[in-house]
C-alpha atoms as a PDB file:
ATOM      1  CA  MET A   1      34.294 122.779 228.931  1.00  0.00           C
ATOM      2  CA  GLU A   2      33.908 125.423 226.355  1.00  0.00           C
ATOM      3  CA  LYS A   3      30.490 124.357 225.583  1.00  0.00           C
ATOM      4  CA  GLU A   4      29.486 124.661 229.192  1.00  0.00           C
ATOM      5  CA  ASN A   5      31.169 128.390 229.491  1.00  0.00           C
ATOM      6  CA  THR A   6      29.071 129.200 226.285  1.00  0.00           C
ATOM      7  CA  THR A   7      25.884 127.984 227.784  1.00  0.00           C
ATOM      8  CA  LYS A   8      26.538 129.640 231.171  1.00  0.00           C
ATOM      9  CA  ILE A   9      27.157 132.942 229.270  1.00  0.00           C
ATOM     10  CA  LYS A  10      23.937 132.756 227.400  1.00  0.00           C
ATOM     11  CA  GLY A  11      21.934 131.867 230.563  1.00  0.00           C
ATOM     12  CA  GLU A  12      23.505 134.981 232.055  1.00  0.00           C
ATOM     13  CA  ILE A  13      22.622 137.181 229.108  1.00  0.00           C
ATOM     14  CA  LEU A  14      19.030 136.069 229.305  1.00  0.00           C
ATOM     15  CA  LEU A  15      19.002 136.526 233.114  1.00  0.00           C
ATOM     16  CA  GLY A  16      20.444 140.111 232.372  1.00  0.00           C
ATOM     17  CA  ILE A  17      17.913 141.022 230.068  1.00  0.00           C
ATOM     18  CA  ILE A  18      15.109 139.754 232.565  1.00  0.00           C
ATOM     19  CA  PHE A  19      16.733 141.852 235.203  1.00  0.00           C
ATOM     20  CA  ALA A  20      16.814 144.827 233.200  1.00  0.00           C
ATOM     21  CA  LEU A  21      13.051 144.675 232.085  1.00  0.00           C
ATOM     22  CA  GLU A  22      12.072 144.233 235.709  1.00  0.00           C
ATOM     23  CA  LEU A  23      14.477 147.091 236.753  1.00  0.00           C
ATOM     24  CA  TYR A  24      12.513 149.157 234.451  1.00  0.00           C
ATOM     25  CA  ALA A  25       8.877 147.972 234.851  1.00  0.00           C
ATOM     26  CA  LEU A  26       8.566 147.719 238.450  1.00  0.00           C
ATOM     27  CA  PRO A  27       9.567 151.277 239.263  1.00  0.00           C
ATOM     28  CA  VAL A  28       7.648 152.635 236.513  1.00  0.00           C
ATOM     29  CA  GLN A  29       4.494 150.752 237.576  1.00  0.00           C
ATOM     30  CA  PHE A  30       4.739 152.185 241.055  1.00  0.00           C
ATOM     31  CA  TYR A  31       5.174 155.530 239.757  1.00  0.00           C
ATOM     32  CA  LEU A  32       2.186 155.369 237.661  1.00  0.00           C
ATOM     33  CA  LEU A  33       0.253 154.270 240.717  1.00  0.00           C
ATOM     34  CA  LEU A  34       1.823 157.042 242.878  1.00  0.00           C
ATOM     35  CA  LYS A  35       0.666 159.700 240.385  1.00  0.00           C
ATOM     36  CA  ASN A  36      -2.739 159.054 241.296  1.00  0.00           C
ATOM     37  CA  PRO A  37      -3.656 161.970 243.876  1.00  0.00           C
ATOM     38  CA  GLU A  38      -5.923 159.635 246.020  1.00  0.00           C
ATOM     39  CA  PHE A  39      -2.734 157.750 247.211  1.00  0.00           C
ATOM     40  CA  THR A  40      -0.186 158.484 249.721  1.00  0.00           C
ATOM     41  CA  PHE A  41       3.258 156.863 249.385  1.00  0.00           C
ATOM     42  CA  PHE A  42       2.186 154.259 251.815  1.00  0.00           C
ATOM     43  CA  SER A  43      -1.322 153.482 250.441  1.00  0.00           C
ATOM     44  CA  ALA A  44       0.240 153.194 246.831  1.00  0.00           C
ATOM     45  CA  ALA A  45       2.875 150.714 248.248  1.00  0.00           C
ATOM     46  CA  VAL A  46       0.056 148.609 249.767  1.00  0.00           C
ATOM     47  CA  ARG A  47      -2.051 148.662 246.671  1.00  0.00           C
ATOM     48  CA  PHE A  48       1.134 148.056 244.527  1.00  0.00           C
ATOM     49  CA  LEU A  49       1.990 144.991 246.572  1.00  0.00           C
ATOM     50  CA  SER A  50      -1.659 143.688 246.349  1.00  0.00           C
ATOM     51  CA  PHE A  51      -1.312 142.525 242.801  1.00  0.00           C
ATOM     52  CA  PHE A  52       0.037 138.755 242.354  1.00  0.00           C
ATOM     53  CA  THR A  53       1.540 140.251 239.371  1.00  0.00           C
ATOM     54  CA  ILE A  54       3.837 142.530 241.138  1.00  0.00           C
ATOM     55  CA  THR A  55       4.826 140.204 243.933  1.00  0.00           C
ATOM     56  CA  THR A  56       5.844 137.500 241.429  1.00  0.00           C
ATOM     57  CA  ASN A  57       7.635 139.680 239.175  1.00  0.00           C
ATOM     58  CA  THR A  58       9.460 141.180 242.226  1.00  0.00           C
ATOM     59  CA  ILE A  59      10.402 137.420 243.185  1.00  0.00           C
ATOM     60  CA  VAL A  60      11.735 137.098 239.646  1.00  0.00           C
ATOM     61  CA  PHE A  61      13.688 140.426 239.891  1.00  0.00           C
ATOM     62  CA  ILE A  62      15.306 139.106 243.164  1.00  0.00           C
ATOM     63  CA  CYS A  63      15.971 135.889 241.646  1.00  0.00           C
ATOM     64  CA  SER A  64      17.674 137.169 238.641  1.00  0.00           C
ATOM     65  CA  ALA A  65      19.589 139.727 240.589  1.00  0.00           C
ATOM     66  CA  LEU A  66      20.947 137.081 243.139  1.00  0.00           C
ATOM     67  CA  LEU A  67      21.793 134.675 240.359  1.00  0.00           C
ATOM     68  CA  LEU A  68      23.871 137.335 238.596  1.00  0.00           C
ATOM     69  CA  PHE A  69      25.388 139.316 241.341  1.00  0.00           C
ATOM     70  CA  GLY A  70      24.790 137.248 244.590  1.00  0.00           C
ATOM     71  CA  GLY A  71      28.303 135.568 244.511  1.00  0.00           C
ATOM     72  CA  ARG A  72      28.484 132.800 247.148  1.00  0.00           C
ATOM     73  CA  SER A  73      25.668 134.066 249.407  1.00  0.00           C
ATOM     74  CA  LYS A  74      23.282 131.963 251.115  1.00  0.00           C
ATOM     75  CA  ALA A  75      20.352 133.644 249.133  1.00  0.00           C
ATOM     76  CA  ASN A  76      22.110 132.874 245.897  1.00  0.00           C
ATOM     77  CA  ALA A  77      22.372 129.260 246.795  1.00  0.00           C
ATOM     78  CA  PHE A  78      18.669 129.059 247.721  1.00  0.00           C
ATOM     79  CA  PHE A  79      17.633 130.768 244.368  1.00  0.00           C
ATOM     80  CA  ARG A  80      20.020 128.661 242.396  1.00  0.00           C
ATOM     81  CA  LYS A  81      18.391 125.544 243.423  1.00  0.00           C
ATOM     82  CA  CYS A  82      16.337 123.660 240.587  1.00  0.00           C
ATOM     83  CA  THR A  83      13.371 123.364 242.961  1.00  0.00           C
ATOM     84  CA  THR A  84      13.344 127.024 243.694  1.00  0.00           C
ATOM     85  CA  ILE A  85      13.692 128.122 239.926  1.00  0.00           C
ATOM     86  CA  THR A  86      11.092 125.795 238.978  1.00  0.00           C
ATOM     87  CA  ALA A  87       8.707 126.890 241.677  1.00  0.00           C
ATOM     88  CA  ILE A  88       9.306 130.624 240.489  1.00  0.00           C
ATOM     89  CA  THR A  89       8.788 129.377 236.800  1.00  0.00           C
ATOM     90  CA  ALA A  90       5.348 128.058 237.790  1.00  0.00           C
ATOM     91  CA  TYR A  91       4.460 131.322 239.664  1.00  0.00           C
ATOM     92  CA  ILE A  92       5.473 133.546 236.632  1.00  0.00           C
ATOM     93  CA  LEU A  93       3.650 131.410 233.999  1.00  0.00           C
ATOM     94  CA  ILE A  94       0.550 131.445 236.081  1.00  0.00           C
ATOM     95  CA  VAL A  95       0.758 135.181 236.014  1.00  0.00           C
ATOM     96  CA  GLY A  96       1.002 135.236 232.203  1.00  0.00           C
ATOM     97  CA  ILE A  97      -1.595 132.446 231.644  1.00  0.00           C
ATOM     98  CA  VAL A  98      -4.072 134.019 233.825  1.00  0.00           C
ATOM     99  CA  PHE A  99      -3.824 137.533 232.321  1.00  0.00           C
ATOM    100  CA  ASN A 100      -3.925 136.582 228.787  1.00  0.00           C
ATOM    101  CA  LEU A 101      -6.606 134.075 228.916  1.00  0.00           C
ATOM    102  CA  LEU A 102      -9.093 136.084 231.579  1.00  0.00           C
ATOM    103  CA  LEU A 103      -8.070 139.663 231.871  1.00  0.00           C
ATOM    104  CA  ARG A 104      -6.639 140.790 228.453  1.00  0.00           C
ATOM    105  CA  PRO A 105      -9.846 140.739 226.708  1.00  0.00           C
ATOM    106  CA  VAL A 106     -11.584 143.197 229.322  1.00  0.00           C
ATOM    107  CA  LEU A 107      -8.551 145.608 229.821  1.00  0.00           C
ATOM    108  CA  ASP A 108      -7.635 148.679 227.590  1.00  0.00           C
ATOM    109  CA  LEU A 109      -4.208 149.674 228.597  1.00  0.00           C
ATOM    110  CA  GLN A 110      -2.246 152.627 226.804  1.00  0.00           C
ATOM    111  CA  GLY A 111       0.986 154.242 226.940  1.00  0.00           C
ATOM    112  CA  HIS A 112       3.558 153.085 229.765  1.00  0.00           C
ATOM    113  CA  HIS A 113       0.731 150.959 231.400  1.00  0.00           C
ATOM    114  CA  LEU A 114       0.494 148.932 228.230  1.00  0.00           C
ATOM    115  CA  ILE A 115       4.194 148.523 228.125  1.00  0.00           C
ATOM    116  CA  VAL A 116       4.888 147.465 231.775  1.00  0.00           C
ATOM    117  CA  SER A 117       1.836 145.109 231.521  1.00  0.00           C
ATOM    118  CA  GLU A 118       3.465 143.335 228.382  1.00  0.00           C
ATOM    119  CA  ILE A 119       6.759 142.998 230.307  1.00  0.00           C
ATOM    120  CA  PHE A 120       5.003 141.768 233.590  1.00  0.00           C
ATOM    121  CA  HIS A 121       2.579 139.373 231.833  1.00  0.00           C
ATOM    122  CA  THR A 122       4.132 138.175 228.459  1.00  0.00           C
ATOM    123  CA  VAL A 123       7.778 139.008 227.960  1.00  0.00           C
ATOM    124  CA  VAL A 124       9.240 138.062 231.410  1.00  0.00           C
ATOM    125  CA  PRO A 125       7.113 134.818 231.691  1.00  0.00           C
ATOM    126  CA  ILE A 126       8.352 133.589 228.310  1.00  0.00           C
ATOM    127  CA  LEU A 127      11.953 134.494 229.081  1.00  0.00           C
ATOM    128  CA  PHE A 128      12.175 133.157 232.574  1.00  0.00           C
ATOM    129  CA  PHE A 129      10.439 129.999 231.125  1.00  0.00           C
ATOM    130  CA  PHE A 130      13.190 129.589 228.542  1.00  0.00           C
ATOM    131  CA  PHE A 131      15.909 130.181 231.082  1.00  0.00           C
ATOM    132  CA  TRP A 132      14.414 127.536 233.282  1.00  0.00           C
ATOM    133  CA  LEU A 133      14.065 125.069 230.119  1.00  0.00           C
ATOM    134  CA  PHE A 134      17.525 125.579 228.654  1.00  0.00           C
ATOM    135  CA  PHE A 135      19.745 126.939 231.292  1.00  0.00           C
ATOM    136  CA  VAL A 136      18.788 125.278 234.508  1.00  0.00           C
ATOM    137  CA  SER A 137      20.222 121.717 235.088  1.00  0.00           C
ATOM    138  CA  PRO A 138      17.425 119.245 235.607  1.00  0.00           C
ATOM    139  CA  GLU A 139      17.030 117.402 238.703  1.00  0.00           C
ATOM    140  CA  LYS A 140      14.493 114.872 239.686  1.00  0.00           C
ATOM    141  CA  ILE A 141      11.934 116.875 241.747  1.00  0.00           C
ATOM    142  CA  SER A 142       9.409 115.098 244.015  1.00  0.00           C
ATOM    143  CA  PHE A 143       5.934 115.900 243.229  1.00  0.00           C
ATOM    144  CA  LYS A 144       5.479 116.453 247.151  1.00  0.00           C
ATOM    145  CA  VAL A 145       7.110 119.802 247.008  1.00  0.00           C
ATOM    146  CA  ILE A 146       4.033 121.187 245.166  1.00  0.00           C
ATOM    147  CA  SER A 147       2.407 121.340 248.554  1.00  0.00           C
ATOM    148  CA  TYR A 148       5.114 123.794 249.735  1.00  0.00           C
ATOM    149  CA  TRP A 149       5.016 125.746 246.488  1.00  0.00           C
ATOM    150  CA  LEU A 150       1.217 126.231 247.053  1.00  0.00           C
ATOM    151  CA  ILE A 151       2.064 128.239 250.247  1.00  0.00           C
ATOM    152  CA  TYR A 152       2.688 131.519 248.425  1.00  0.00           C
ATOM    153  CA  PRO A 153      -0.595 131.629 246.423  1.00  0.00           C
ATOM    154  CA  ILE A 154      -2.603 130.453 249.187  1.00  0.00           C
ATOM    155  CA  ILE A 155      -1.365 133.160 251.542  1.00  0.00           C
ATOM    156  CA  TYR A 156      -1.972 135.514 248.655  1.00  0.00           C
ATOM    157  CA  ILE A 157      -5.592 134.708 248.000  1.00  0.00           C
ATOM    158  CA  ILE A 158      -6.428 134.546 251.716  1.00  0.00           C
ATOM    159  CA  TYR A 159      -4.793 138.184 252.139  1.00  0.00           C
ATOM    160  CA  THR A 160      -6.666 139.321 248.984  1.00  0.00           C
ATOM    161  CA  LEU A 161      -9.976 138.084 250.208  1.00  0.00           C
ATOM    162  CA  PHE A 162      -9.880 139.577 253.786  1.00  0.00           C
ATOM    163  CA  HIS A 163      -8.045 142.779 252.458  1.00  0.00           C
ATOM    164  CA  GLY A 164     -10.933 143.016 250.132  1.00  0.00           C
ATOM    165  CA  LEU A 165     -13.488 142.558 252.835  1.00  0.00           C
ATOM    166  CA  ALA A 166     -11.741 145.514 254.843  1.00  0.00           C
ATOM    167  CA  THR A 167     -11.168 147.781 252.032  1.00  0.00           C
ATOM    168  CA  GLU A 168     -13.609 146.754 249.076  1.00  0.00           C
ATOM    169  CA  PHE A 169     -10.602 146.653 246.821  1.00  0.00           C
ATOM    170  CA  TYR A 170      -9.949 143.461 244.786  1.00  0.00           C
ATOM    171  CA  PRO A 171      -7.074 143.360 242.197  1.00  0.00           C
ATOM    172  CA  TYR A 172      -8.609 140.800 239.820  1.00  0.00           C
ATOM    173  CA  PRO A 173     -12.486 140.655 238.834  1.00  0.00           C
ATOM    174  CA  PHE A 174     -12.500 136.930 239.211  1.00  0.00           C
ATOM    175  CA  ILE A 175     -11.817 137.131 243.004  1.00  0.00           C
ATOM    176  CA  ASP A 176     -13.847 140.154 243.738  1.00  0.00           C
ATOM    177  CA  ALA A 177     -16.063 139.148 246.376  1.00  0.00           C
ATOM    178  CA  THR A 178     -18.099 142.220 246.476  1.00  0.00           C
ATOM    179  CA  GLN A 179     -19.195 141.475 242.848  1.00  0.00           C
ATOM    180  CA  LEU A 180     -19.433 137.823 242.755  1.00  0.00           C
ATOM    181  CA  GLY A 181     -19.905 136.983 246.249  1.00  0.00           C
ATOM    182  CA  PHE A 182     -17.701 135.356 248.753  1.00  0.00           C
ATOM    183  CA  GLU A 183     -18.219 131.835 247.681  1.00  0.00           C
ATOM    184  CA  ILE A 184     -17.801 132.355 244.041  1.00  0.00           C
ATOM    185  CA  ALA A 185     -14.536 134.387 244.709  1.00  0.00           C
ATOM    186  CA  ILE A 186     -13.253 131.414 246.694  1.00  0.00           C
ATOM    187  CA  ILE A 187     -14.044 128.946 244.102  1.00  0.00           C
ATOM    188  CA  ASN A 188     -12.420 130.927 241.499  1.00  0.00           C
ATOM    189  CA  GLY A 189      -9.343 131.051 243.677  1.00  0.00           C
ATOM    190  CA  PHE A 190      -9.442 127.289 243.963  1.00  0.00           C
ATOM    191  CA  PHE A 191      -9.603 127.043 240.339  1.00  0.00           C
ATOM    192  CA  VAL A 192      -6.395 129.107 239.920  1.00  0.00           C
ATOM    193  CA  LEU A 193      -4.657 127.028 242.649  1.00  0.00           C
ATOM    194  CA  LEU A 194      -5.693 123.888 240.740  1.00  0.00           C
ATOM    195  CA  SER A 195      -4.245 125.374 237.568  1.00  0.00           C
ATOM    196  CA  PHE A 196      -1.074 126.147 239.559  1.00  0.00           C
ATOM    197  CA  VAL A 197      -0.949 122.493 240.611  1.00  0.00           C
ATOM    198  CA  ILE A 198      -1.401 121.080 237.089  1.00  0.00           C
ATOM    199  CA  LEU A 199       1.179 123.517 235.727  1.00  0.00           C
ATOM    200  CA  SER A 200       3.707 122.282 238.470  1.00  0.00           C
ATOM    201  CA  ILE A 201       3.203 118.858 237.677  1.00  0.00           C
ATOM    202  CA  ILE A 202       3.801 119.431 233.959  1.00  0.00           C
ATOM    203  CA  LEU A 203       7.017 121.371 234.887  1.00  0.00           C
ATOM    204  CA  ILE A 204       8.305 118.743 237.201  1.00  0.00           C
ATOM    205  CA  SER A 205       7.485 115.942 234.744  1.00  0.00           C
ATOM    206  CA  ILE A 206       9.463 117.861 231.988  1.00  0.00           C
ATOM    207  CA  PHE A 207      12.517 117.770 234.320  1.00  0.00           C
ATOM    208  CA  ARG A 208      12.206 114.195 235.132  1.00  0.00           C
ATOM    209  CA  ILE A 209      12.169 113.264 231.649  1.00  0.00           C
ATOM    210  CA  LYS A 210      15.226 115.495 231.081  1.00  0.00           C
ATOM    211  CA  THR A 211      16.921 114.034 234.055  1.00  0.00           C
ATOM    212  CA  LYS A 212      16.481 110.418 232.652  1.00  0.00           C
ATOM    213  CA  SER A 213      17.606 111.334 229.170  1.00  0.00           C
ATOM    214  CA  TYR A 214      21.002 112.471 231.018  1.00  0.00           C
ATOM    215  CA  THR A 215      21.485 109.265 232.620  1.00  0.00           C
END
């Protein structure tokens, strides 16, 4: 019992750190965008939420907030599910993997831009993965749930492509249909989805192995 309480406290401390980092980074990133004179508050909000990095880190923020302060609410129960946390882990790991493999070499960020970028793309993905790995009770998850997990990234890619056609703004160069052509942008989006499927299979397999070790 004492060991369980200690583990629970450690998990809550880790969640608290993630929550605090997001509570700092998300508003700062929006403020940095809002400082640009070409944006109104509304257009800055649309641009802000056009990044998969931002929407996913927002999901992590909401998840950590509800797990810490949600009590017995239905929202807390939903985000506490092993399936939900595993899906969010896959989302935030994709954020980190794609940025560090594809985008870091072509970006030169400074000051607060660099700080919030490291929080979004490196620190939070690692910490949330550790929370999932060490503090979430493993359950046997069906691989079929991956089809449901894909809904969010698929909707995001569709929105990004059509929003880009209307505004000529694409948040990421590998999905920039103006520069690459619509066909190449779709293919790149497909490979991101494929990477997400592979990562999800790995995460589910880890929990399946851990579940067997407990039985």
